[in-house]
Amino acid sequence: MALLSKFEKLPMDRPSIHGPVQCTYSVFNGKDGKRYIQLDTYGSTEREIPGKKSQSLQLNEDSVAALLQVFERKGFK
């Protein structure tokens, strides 16, 4: 699990599109009184254990705002 804190641009040498997987989200208040969103992704059907939780990413209000700025700068609206 990871709490995302900042975003840095890194060019990709060989961009490729990954296969689709399920993603769920939860919004909750932390013990610190701040709001968080957690994104959980699940293994693809080709994985050894299909549907098993693969990754969890958490964003707080600051990192959500930073990610929205990236989207806006790159034309994702």
Protein backbone atom coordinates (compact mmCIF):
# COMPACT_ATOMS: atom_id res chain seq x y z
CA MET A 1 0.00 0.00 0.00
CA ALA A 2 1.24 3.50 -0.71
CA LEU A 3 0.15 7.03 0.19
CA LEU A 4 0.90 9.15 -2.87
CA SER A 5 2.43 12.47 -1.90
CA LYS A 6 3.66 14.11 -5.10
CA PHE A 7 3.75 13.57 -8.82
CA GLU A 8 6.78 13.96 -11.08
CA LYS A 9 6.77 13.68 -14.85
CA LEU A 10 8.92 10.85 -16.20
CA PRO A 11 8.96 10.19 -19.95
CA MET A 12 8.38 6.57 -20.93
CA ASP A 13 10.84 4.84 -23.27
CA ARG A 14 8.29 2.41 -24.70
CA PRO A 15 4.71 3.30 -23.80
CA SER A 16 2.23 0.43 -23.94
CA ILE A 17 -1.40 -0.03 -22.98
CA HIS A 18 -2.02 -2.51 -20.17
CA GLY A 19 -4.95 -4.89 -20.00
CA PRO A 20 -8.04 -3.87 -18.03
CA VAL A 21 -8.51 -4.85 -14.37
CA GLN A 22 -11.15 -4.10 -11.77
CA CYS A 23 -10.64 -1.08 -9.51
CA THR A 24 -12.65 -0.24 -6.40
CA TYR A 25 -12.47 2.86 -4.26
CA SER A 26 -13.21 3.87 -0.69
CA VAL A 27 -13.36 7.33 0.86
CA PHE A 28 -12.68 7.60 4.57
CA ASN A 29 -11.54 9.90 7.36
CA GLY A 30 -8.12 9.10 8.81
CA LYS A 31 -7.22 9.21 12.48
CA ASP A 32 -5.64 12.57 11.70
CA GLY A 33 -9.08 13.96 10.76
CA LYS A 34 -8.19 14.28 7.06
CA ARG A 35 -10.11 12.69 4.20
CA TYR A 36 -8.53 10.00 2.03
CA ILE A 37 -9.45 8.04 -1.05
CA GLN A 38 -8.09 4.53 -1.53
CA LEU A 39 -7.97 2.84 -4.92
CA ASP A 40 -7.61 -0.95 -4.93
CA THR A 41 -6.80 -2.88 -8.10
CA TYR A 42 -7.34 -6.60 -8.57
CA GLY A 43 -5.47 -9.25 -10.53
CA SER A 44 -6.40 -9.87 -14.15
CA THR A 45 -7.99 -13.10 -15.29
CA GLU A 46 -4.55 -14.31 -16.45
CA ARG A 47 -3.02 -14.07 -12.94
CA GLU A 48 -2.33 -17.11 -10.78
CA ILE A 49 -5.05 -15.94 -8.37
CA PRO A 50 -7.55 -13.98 -10.51
CA GLY A 51 -9.41 -11.26 -8.63
CA LYS A 52 -6.92 -11.06 -5.75
CA LYS A 53 -6.19 -7.52 -4.56
CA SER A 54 -2.98 -6.41 -6.27
CA GLN A 55 -2.29 -2.83 -5.29
CA SER A 56 -3.70 -0.18 -2.99
CA LEU A 57 -3.03 3.50 -3.56
CA GLN A 58 -4.10 6.21 -1.14
CA LEU A 59 -4.44 9.91 -1.81
CA ASN A 60 -5.14 12.67 0.68
CA GLU A 61 -6.73 16.02 -0.14
CA ASP A 62 -3.36 17.53 -1.13
CA SER A 63 -2.38 14.68 -3.44
CA VAL A 64 -5.86 14.63 -5.04
CA ALA A 65 -5.47 18.36 -5.79
CA ALA A 66 -1.97 17.77 -7.23
CA LEU A 67 -3.21 14.93 -9.45
CA LEU A 68 -6.14 17.05 -10.67
CA GLN A 69 -3.62 19.74 -11.69
CA VAL A 70 -1.69 17.15 -13.73
CA PHE A 71 -4.94 16.10 -15.45
CA GLU A 72 -5.88 19.71 -16.20
CA ARG A 73 -2.43 20.58 -17.58
CA LYS A 74 -2.51 17.56 -19.88
CA GLY A 75 -6.05 18.14 -21.15
CA PHE A 76 -7.92 15.45 -19.19
CA LYS A 77 -11.22 16.95 -18.08
